[in-house]
Amino acid sequence: QAEEELREACARQALQLEEMGRRERLLRAELGRAKEQLWSFKTQVMRVCSPAAAGVAGKAVTEQQVIEKVRQLSDENQHSHEREKCLQEELSSRISKEKEVSANVEVFKKSLQELQ
């Protein structure tokens, strides 16, 4: 009976090892796909960030250059959003002033008509 239990335990262990092997193969495949996607993304970023440097005379763009360019673009994007926000506030202020002036003009017109 002990021998049978040992065989069953070994069989369970073998199944667990097979499952672990299957999972490892899946993870390795996913890792490979992730590396390919990362490489593709990096290449695209390099082309967008530095099209002249990406293929000129074998000049390789380093990952650090790409990172710096992405940071620069991110900073520029943030500044653009801040500028847009300021312009929106300025526009809102001008619209409010315009409405106020229009209302004052209407009051003035009405007063002028009453005087005539």
Protein backbone atom coordinates (compact mmCIF):
# COMPACT_ATOMS: atom_id res chain seq x y z
CA GLN A 1 0.00 0.00 0.00
CA ALA A 2 2.85 2.38 0.83
CA GLU A 3 4.37 1.58 -2.55
CA GLU A 4 1.10 2.42 -4.29
CA GLU A 5 0.84 5.72 -2.41
CA LEU A 6 4.42 6.49 -3.39
CA ARG A 7 3.62 5.78 -7.05
CA GLU A 8 0.57 8.05 -6.88
CA ALA A 9 2.62 10.80 -5.25
CA CYS A 10 5.26 10.41 -7.97
CA ALA A 11 2.57 10.55 -10.63
CA ARG A 12 1.15 13.73 -9.07
CA GLN A 13 4.65 15.18 -8.91
CA ALA A 14 5.21 14.31 -12.56
CA LEU A 15 1.96 16.00 -13.53
CA GLN A 16 2.90 19.07 -11.50
CA LEU A 17 6.31 19.16 -13.18
CA GLU A 18 4.71 18.88 -16.61
CA GLU A 19 2.33 21.71 -15.74
CA MET A 20 5.19 23.83 -14.45
CA GLY A 21 7.11 23.13 -17.65
CA ARG A 22 4.10 24.11 -19.74
CA ARG A 23 3.70 27.33 -17.77
CA GLU A 24 7.41 28.07 -18.14
CA ARG A 25 7.19 27.60 -21.92
CA LEU A 26 4.17 29.92 -22.05
CA LEU A 27 5.97 32.52 -19.95
CA ARG A 28 9.06 32.30 -22.15
CA ALA A 29 6.90 32.73 -25.25
CA GLU A 30 5.15 35.74 -23.68
CA LEU A 31 8.51 37.18 -22.68
CA GLY A 32 9.74 36.77 -26.25
CA ARG A 33 6.67 38.54 -27.60
CA ALA A 34 7.07 41.32 -25.04
CA LYS A 35 10.72 41.78 -26.06
CA GLU A 36 9.69 41.97 -29.72
CA GLN A 37 7.01 44.53 -28.92
CA LEU A 38 9.46 46.56 -26.85
CA TRP A 39 12.03 46.47 -29.65
CA SER A 40 9.39 47.50 -32.18
CA PHE A 41 8.23 50.33 -29.92
CA LYS A 42 11.80 51.48 -29.36
CA THR A 43 12.42 51.50 -33.10
CA GLN A 44 9.25 53.47 -33.72
CA VAL A 45 10.15 55.97 -31.00
CA MET A 46 13.64 56.35 -32.44
CA ARG A 47 12.21 56.98 -35.91
CA VAL A 48 9.76 59.55 -34.59
CA CYS A 49 12.16 61.24 -32.19
CA SER A 50 15.19 61.32 -34.39
CA PRO A 51 14.47 60.35 -37.98
CA ALA A 52 17.72 61.85 -39.21
CA ALA A 53 19.86 59.97 -36.71
CA ALA A 54 17.97 56.69 -36.94
CA GLY A 55 19.41 55.71 -40.29
CA VAL A 56 22.18 58.09 -41.27
CA ALA A 57 25.55 56.51 -41.99
CA GLY A 58 25.03 53.72 -39.49
CA LYS A 59 24.76 56.15 -36.60
CA ALA A 60 22.99 54.25 -33.86
CA VAL A 61 20.69 56.06 -31.49
CA THR A 62 21.28 54.97 -27.92
CA GLU A 63 18.52 54.05 -25.53
CA GLN A 64 19.58 56.98 -23.35
CA GLN A 65 19.05 59.36 -26.29
CA VAL A 66 15.61 57.89 -26.87
CA ILE A 67 14.75 58.23 -23.17
CA GLU A 68 15.92 61.84 -23.16
CA LYS A 69 13.92 62.61 -26.29
CA VAL A 70 10.79 61.01 -24.80
CA ARG A 71 11.30 63.08 -21.63
CA GLN A 72 11.76 66.20 -23.74
CA LEU A 73 8.57 65.46 -25.68
CA SER A 74 6.73 64.77 -22.44
CA ASP A 75 7.92 68.08 -20.98
CA GLU A 76 6.90 69.92 -24.15
CA ASN A 77 3.50 68.23 -23.99
CA GLN A 78 3.07 69.27 -20.36
CA HIS A 79 4.05 72.86 -21.17
CA SER A 80 1.60 72.86 -24.07
CA HIS A 81 -1.18 71.69 -21.76
CA GLU A 82 -0.29 74.38 -19.23
CA ARG A 83 -0.24 77.01 -21.99
CA GLU A 84 -3.58 75.74 -23.29
CA LYS A 85 -5.04 76.02 -19.79
CA CYS A 86 -3.77 79.60 -19.46
CA LEU A 87 -5.19 80.50 -22.86
CA GLN A 88 -8.54 78.93 -21.94
CA GLU A 89 -8.63 80.98 -18.73
CA GLU A 90 -7.71 84.13 -20.65
CA LEU A 91 -10.39 83.39 -23.24
CA SER A 92 -12.99 82.82 -20.53
CA SER A 93 -11.99 86.11 -18.90
CA ARG A 94 -12.24 87.98 -22.19
CA ILE A 95 -15.63 86.43 -22.94
CA SER A 96 -16.86 87.51 -19.50
CA LYS A 97 -15.58 91.04 -20.08
CA GLU A 98 -17.17 91.10 -23.53
CA LYS A 99 -20.51 90.03 -22.07
CA GLU A 100 -20.20 92.72 -19.42
CA VAL A 101 -19.36 95.38 -22.02
CA SER A 102 -22.24 94.21 -24.22
CA ALA A 103 -24.62 94.47 -21.29
CA ASN A 104 -23.32 97.97 -20.51
CA VAL A 105 -23.74 98.97 -24.16
CA GLU A 106 -27.33 97.75 -24.09
CA VAL A 107 -27.99 99.75 -20.92
CA PHE A 108 -26.36 102.80 -22.52
CA LYS A 109 -28.42 102.37 -25.71
CA LYS A 110 -31.61 102.06 -23.68
CA SER A 111 -30.72 105.16 -21.66
CA LEU A 112 -29.88 107.05 -24.85
CA GLN A 113 -33.19 106.07 -26.42
CA GLU A 114 -35.06 107.21 -23.33
CA LEU A 115 -33.26 110.57 -23.49
CA GLN A 116 -34.22 111.05 -27.11
